[in-house]
């Protein structure tokens, strides 16, 4: 199948993966661990905007998974609220904190195949590296609160390590 083409995709196999980098975090409080850094004012402003952009595209995630870092959890909560996704269904994965592409794929590979549309909220450089690997693109950097949406022709999330999908969206708060 040609990259970028919908040819070969069937509805029963098509999965959507959104790789969402956490919103801008604050460095103002000294002595706070990296894991516990809160969102900055800009992050608090950008996250709802990106949630509305996801909603405007008609995306309805069946699962949102977040790193346990405060900045990622808070971003995921804001996105969930904008999408009308029940906050109590947010999944927190310690393995996603500063995860490599392999660690992110391991988390995804464990997910139920009933989830067709997953958002992973995490960190760079792992998210950017994974976006490039799964879509064959060359994104230098997913900015804070930026997202890459990839369509994957997969029977099961368990096969994600060998998947090559099609990048549908690369968006971020400052994108015109």
C-alpha atoms as a PDB file:
ATOM      1  CA  UNK A   1       0.000   0.000   0.000  1.00  0.00           C
ATOM      2  CA  UNK A   2       1.208   3.527  -0.692  1.00  0.00           C
ATOM      3  CA  UNK A   3       2.030   5.713   2.284  1.00  0.00           C
ATOM      4  CA  UNK A   4      -0.490   8.494   2.659  1.00  0.00           C
ATOM      5  CA  UNK A   5      -3.179   6.519   0.900  1.00  0.00           C
ATOM      6  CA  UNK A   6      -6.266   5.138   2.597  1.00  0.00           C
ATOM      7  CA  UNK A   7      -6.129   2.226   0.168  1.00  0.00           C
ATOM      8  CA  UNK A   8      -5.844  -1.056   2.005  1.00  0.00           C
ATOM      9  CA  UNK A   9      -7.297   0.267   5.254  1.00  0.00           C
ATOM     10  CA  UNK A  10     -10.470  -1.386   6.440  1.00  0.00           C
ATOM     11  CA  UNK A  11     -12.591   0.054   9.210  1.00  0.00           C
ATOM     12  CA  UNK A  12     -12.092  -3.099  11.257  1.00  0.00           C
ATOM     13  CA  UNK A  13      -8.309  -2.663  11.270  1.00  0.00           C
ATOM     14  CA  UNK A  14      -7.883   1.120  11.349  1.00  0.00           C
ATOM     15  CA  UNK A  15      -6.651   2.523  14.647  1.00  0.00           C
ATOM     16  CA  UNK A  16      -5.938   6.140  15.516  1.00  0.00           C
ATOM     17  CA  UNK A  17      -3.064   7.118  17.776  1.00  0.00           C
ATOM     18  CA  UNK A  18      -2.596  10.650  19.056  1.00  0.00           C
ATOM     19  CA  UNK A  19       0.805  11.387  20.558  1.00  0.00           C
ATOM     20  CA  UNK A  20       0.296  14.468  22.715  1.00  0.00           C
ATOM     21  CA  UNK A  21       3.172  16.244  24.429  1.00  0.00           C
ATOM     22  CA  UNK A  22       2.314  17.763  27.798  1.00  0.00           C
ATOM     23  CA  UNK A  23       1.619  21.490  27.914  1.00  0.00           C
ATOM     24  CA  UNK A  24       4.287  24.005  28.942  1.00  0.00           C
ATOM     25  CA  UNK A  25       5.407  23.470  32.516  1.00  0.00           C
ATOM     26  CA  UNK A  26       6.630  25.930  35.101  1.00  0.00           C
ATOM     27  CA  UNK A  27      10.203  26.149  36.333  1.00  0.00           C
ATOM     28  CA  UNK A  28       9.415  28.875  38.890  1.00  0.00           C
ATOM     29  CA  UNK A  29       9.343  26.790  42.050  1.00  0.00           C
ATOM     30  CA  UNK A  30      12.833  25.792  43.083  1.00  0.00           C
ATOM     31  CA  UNK A  31      13.148  22.486  44.871  1.00  0.00           C
ATOM     32  CA  UNK A  32      10.254  20.881  42.993  1.00  0.00           C
ATOM     33  CA  UNK A  33      11.218  17.584  41.363  1.00  0.00           C
ATOM     34  CA  UNK A  34      10.944  17.274  37.599  1.00  0.00           C
ATOM     35  CA  UNK A  35       8.116  14.766  38.065  1.00  0.00           C
ATOM     36  CA  UNK A  36       6.105  17.254  40.147  1.00  0.00           C
ATOM     37  CA  UNK A  37       6.464  20.412  38.019  1.00  0.00           C
ATOM     38  CA  UNK A  38       3.056  22.059  37.430  1.00  0.00           C
ATOM     39  CA  UNK A  39       1.771  23.645  34.235  1.00  0.00           C
ATOM     40  CA  UNK A  40       2.739  27.255  33.544  1.00  0.00           C
ATOM     41  CA  UNK A  41       0.162  29.925  32.719  1.00  0.00           C
ATOM     42  CA  UNK A  42       0.895  29.342  29.039  1.00  0.00           C
ATOM     43  CA  UNK A  43       0.339  25.608  29.509  1.00  0.00           C
ATOM     44  CA  UNK A  44      -2.973  26.235  31.248  1.00  0.00           C
ATOM     45  CA  UNK A  45      -3.980  28.453  28.310  1.00  0.00           C
ATOM     46  CA  UNK A  46      -2.755  26.105  25.527  1.00  0.00           C
ATOM     47  CA  UNK A  47      -4.196  22.790  26.744  1.00  0.00           C
ATOM     48  CA  UNK A  48      -7.892  23.743  26.389  1.00  0.00           C
ATOM     49  CA  UNK A  49      -7.184  25.199  22.932  1.00  0.00           C
ATOM     50  CA  UNK A  50      -5.653  21.915  21.779  1.00  0.00           C
ATOM     51  CA  UNK A  51      -8.526  19.959  23.319  1.00  0.00           C
ATOM     52  CA  UNK A  52     -10.970  22.025  21.283  1.00  0.00           C
ATOM     53  CA  UNK A  53      -8.890  21.419  18.130  1.00  0.00           C
ATOM     54  CA  UNK A  54      -9.055  17.659  18.717  1.00  0.00           C
ATOM     55  CA  UNK A  55     -12.815  17.935  19.219  1.00  0.00           C
ATOM     56  CA  UNK A  56     -13.226  20.078  16.085  1.00  0.00           C
ATOM     57  CA  UNK A  57     -11.589  17.293  14.038  1.00  0.00           C
ATOM     58  CA  UNK A  58     -14.283  14.917  15.277  1.00  0.00           C
ATOM     59  CA  UNK A  59     -11.835  12.747  17.189  1.00  0.00           C
ATOM     60  CA  UNK A  60     -13.366  10.698  19.987  1.00  0.00           C
ATOM     61  CA  UNK A  61     -10.696   8.853  21.975  1.00  0.00           C
ATOM     62  CA  UNK A  62     -11.749   5.577  23.510  1.00  0.00           C
ATOM     63  CA  UNK A  63      -8.746   5.752  25.863  1.00  0.00           C
ATOM     64  CA  UNK A  64      -6.472   8.490  27.192  1.00  0.00           C
ATOM     65  CA  UNK A  65      -3.232   7.320  28.787  1.00  0.00           C
ATOM     66  CA  UNK A  66      -0.924   9.730  30.602  1.00  0.00           C
ATOM     67  CA  UNK A  67       2.500   9.790  32.149  1.00  0.00           C
ATOM     68  CA  UNK A  68       2.320  10.093  35.934  1.00  0.00           C
ATOM     69  CA  UNK A  69       4.218  13.425  35.846  1.00  0.00           C
ATOM     70  CA  UNK A  70       2.027  16.250  37.152  1.00  0.00           C
ATOM     71  CA  UNK A  71       2.367  18.331  33.963  1.00  0.00           C
ATOM     72  CA  UNK A  72       1.283  15.400  31.769  1.00  0.00           C
ATOM     73  CA  UNK A  73      -1.574  14.344  34.078  1.00  0.00           C
ATOM     74  CA  UNK A  74      -2.920  17.898  34.236  1.00  0.00           C
ATOM     75  CA  UNK A  75      -2.673  18.266  30.435  1.00  0.00           C
ATOM     76  CA  UNK A  76      -4.546  14.972  29.960  1.00  0.00           C
ATOM     77  CA  UNK A  77      -7.234  16.083  32.439  1.00  0.00           C
ATOM     78  CA  UNK A  78      -7.765  19.370  30.595  1.00  0.00           C
ATOM     79  CA  UNK A  79      -7.907  17.619  27.207  1.00  0.00           C
ATOM     80  CA  UNK A  80     -10.344  15.038  28.603  1.00  0.00           C
ATOM     81  CA  UNK A  81     -12.602  17.785  29.964  1.00  0.00           C
ATOM     82  CA  UNK A  82     -12.649  19.575  26.585  1.00  0.00           C
ATOM     83  CA  UNK A  83     -13.533  16.306  24.823  1.00  0.00           C
ATOM     84  CA  UNK A  84     -16.223  15.297  27.302  1.00  0.00           C
ATOM     85  CA  UNK A  85     -14.137  12.231  28.191  1.00  0.00           C
ATOM     86  CA  UNK A  86     -14.820  10.985  31.739  1.00  0.00           C
ATOM     87  CA  UNK A  87     -11.889  12.000  33.938  1.00  0.00           C
ATOM     88  CA  UNK A  88     -12.215   8.851  36.027  1.00  0.00           C
ATOM     89  CA  UNK A  89     -11.320   6.781  32.940  1.00  0.00           C
ATOM     90  CA  UNK A  90      -7.955   8.487  32.465  1.00  0.00           C
ATOM     91  CA  UNK A  91      -5.242   5.865  32.721  1.00  0.00           C
ATOM     92  CA  UNK A  92      -1.954   6.774  34.394  1.00  0.00           C
ATOM     93  CA  UNK A  93       1.133   4.818  33.386  1.00  0.00           C
ATOM     94  CA  UNK A  94       4.359   5.280  35.382  1.00  0.00           C
ATOM     95  CA  UNK A  95       6.235   3.722  32.442  1.00  0.00           C
ATOM     96  CA  UNK A  96       5.380   6.761  30.268  1.00  0.00           C
ATOM     97  CA  UNK A  97       7.411   9.197  32.407  1.00  0.00           C
ATOM     98  CA  UNK A  98      10.301  10.256  30.121  1.00  0.00           C
ATOM     99  CA  UNK A  99       9.665   7.076  28.100  1.00  0.00           C
ATOM    100  CA  UNK A 100      11.580   5.897  25.068  1.00  0.00           C
ATOM    101  CA  UNK A 101       9.665   4.941  21.917  1.00  0.00           C
ATOM    102  CA  UNK A 102      10.049   1.285  22.914  1.00  0.00           C
ATOM    103  CA  UNK A 103       8.534   1.929  26.353  1.00  0.00           C
ATOM    104  CA  UNK A 104       5.600   3.836  24.836  1.00  0.00           C
ATOM    105  CA  UNK A 105       4.963   1.011  22.364  1.00  0.00           C
ATOM    106  CA  UNK A 106       5.115  -1.535  25.209  1.00  0.00           C
ATOM    107  CA  UNK A 107       2.352   0.385  27.029  1.00  0.00           C
ATOM    108  CA  UNK A 108       0.272   0.545  23.841  1.00  0.00           C
ATOM    109  CA  UNK A 109       0.829  -3.151  23.078  1.00  0.00           C
ATOM    110  CA  UNK A 110      -0.872  -4.041  26.396  1.00  0.00           C
ATOM    111  CA  UNK A 111      -4.079  -2.143  25.599  1.00  0.00           C
ATOM    112  CA  UNK A 112      -7.328  -3.850  24.737  1.00  0.00           C
ATOM    113  CA  UNK A 113      -8.065  -4.099  21.033  1.00  0.00           C
ATOM    114  CA  UNK A 114     -11.512  -2.684  21.789  1.00  0.00           C
ATOM    115  CA  UNK A 115      -9.794   0.739  21.986  1.00  0.00           C
ATOM    116  CA  UNK A 116      -9.713   2.096  18.435  1.00  0.00           C
ATOM    117  CA  UNK A 117      -8.606   5.655  19.210  1.00  0.00           C
ATOM    118  CA  UNK A 118      -5.944   6.236  21.878  1.00  0.00           C
ATOM    119  CA  UNK A 119      -4.319   9.444  23.100  1.00  0.00           C
ATOM    120  CA  UNK A 120      -0.946   9.109  24.825  1.00  0.00           C
ATOM    121  CA  UNK A 121       0.079  12.177  26.822  1.00  0.00           C
ATOM    122  CA  UNK A 122       3.778  12.173  27.587  1.00  0.00           C
ATOM    123  CA  UNK A 123       7.205  13.644  27.002  1.00  0.00           C
ATOM    124  CA  UNK A 124       9.902  14.343  24.468  1.00  0.00           C
ATOM    125  CA  UNK A 125      12.152  13.145  22.995  1.00  0.00           C
ATOM    126  CA  UNK A 126      10.303   9.800  23.085  1.00  0.00           C
ATOM    127  CA  UNK A 127       7.059  11.102  21.570  1.00  0.00           C
ATOM    128  CA  UNK A 128       8.770  12.823  18.633  1.00  0.00           C
ATOM    129  CA  UNK A 129      10.953   9.787  17.970  1.00  0.00           C
ATOM    130  CA  UNK A 130       7.913   7.486  18.068  1.00  0.00           C
ATOM    131  CA  UNK A 131       5.886   9.770  15.766  1.00  0.00           C
ATOM    132  CA  UNK A 132       8.697   9.658  13.217  1.00  0.00           C
ATOM    133  CA  UNK A 133       9.124   5.903  13.521  1.00  0.00           C
ATOM    134  CA  UNK A 134       5.408   5.085  13.194  1.00  0.00           C
ATOM    135  CA  UNK A 135       4.718   7.505  10.340  1.00  0.00           C
ATOM    136  CA  UNK A 136       8.012   7.613   8.463  1.00  0.00           C
ATOM    137  CA  UNK A 137       8.065  11.406   8.811  1.00  0.00           C
ATOM    138  CA  UNK A 138      10.856  13.713   9.980  1.00  0.00           C
ATOM    139  CA  UNK A 139       9.472  15.985  12.678  1.00  0.00           C
ATOM    140  CA  UNK A 140      12.306  17.761  14.510  1.00  0.00           C
ATOM    141  CA  UNK A 141      10.338  18.362  17.682  1.00  0.00           C
ATOM    142  CA  UNK A 142       6.756  18.103  18.889  1.00  0.00           C
ATOM    143  CA  UNK A 143       6.376  21.408  20.785  1.00  0.00           C
ATOM    144  CA  UNK A 144       4.728  21.544  24.196  1.00  0.00           C
ATOM    145  CA  UNK A 145       1.037  20.702  23.899  1.00  0.00           C
ATOM    146  CA  UNK A 146       1.659  19.643  20.306  1.00  0.00           C
ATOM    147  CA  UNK A 147       0.171  16.494  18.855  1.00  0.00           C
ATOM    148  CA  UNK A 148       0.720  14.056  16.043  1.00  0.00           C
ATOM    149  CA  UNK A 149      -2.195  11.879  14.914  1.00  0.00           C
ATOM    150  CA  UNK A 150      -1.284   8.675  13.123  1.00  0.00           C
ATOM    151  CA  UNK A 151      -3.646   6.238  11.428  1.00  0.00           C
ATOM    152  CA  UNK A 152      -2.438   2.665  11.815  1.00  0.00           C
ATOM    153  CA  UNK A 153      -3.587  -0.366   9.879  1.00  0.00           C
ATOM    154  CA  UNK A 154      -3.405  -2.821  12.792  1.00  0.00           C
ATOM    155  CA  UNK A 155      -5.394  -5.887  13.809  1.00  0.00           C
ATOM    156  CA  UNK A 156      -4.118  -5.500  17.356  1.00  0.00           C
ATOM    157  CA  UNK A 157      -2.205  -2.955  19.431  1.00  0.00           C
ATOM    158  CA  UNK A 158       0.141  -5.845  20.210  1.00  0.00           C
ATOM    159  CA  UNK A 159       1.588  -5.410  16.704  1.00  0.00           C
ATOM    160  CA  UNK A 160       2.474  -1.744  17.075  1.00  0.00           C
ATOM    161  CA  UNK A 161       6.240  -2.363  17.183  1.00  0.00           C
ATOM    162  CA  UNK A 162       6.131  -3.404  13.521  1.00  0.00           C
ATOM    163  CA  UNK A 163       3.554  -0.851  12.351  1.00  0.00           C
ATOM    164  CA  UNK A 164       3.988   1.904   9.803  1.00  0.00           C
ATOM    165  CA  UNK A 165       1.061   4.270   9.652  1.00  0.00           C
ATOM    166  CA  UNK A 166       0.082   7.535   8.039  1.00  0.00           C
ATOM    167  CA  UNK A 167       0.485  10.879   9.778  1.00  0.00           C
ATOM    168  CA  UNK A 168      -2.864  12.668   9.572  1.00  0.00           C
ATOM    169  CA  UNK A 169      -2.220  15.681  11.786  1.00  0.00           C
ATOM    170  CA  UNK A 170       0.743  17.579  13.199  1.00  0.00           C
ATOM    171  CA  UNK A 171      -0.596  20.480  15.239  1.00  0.00           C
ATOM    172  CA  UNK A 172       0.605  22.664  18.095  1.00  0.00           C
ATOM    173  CA  UNK A 173      -0.606  25.823  19.838  1.00  0.00           C
ATOM    174  CA  UNK A 174       1.466  28.312  17.832  1.00  0.00           C
ATOM    175  CA  UNK A 175       0.746  26.698  14.470  1.00  0.00           C
ATOM    176  CA  UNK A 176      -0.988  29.180  12.148  1.00  0.00           C
END
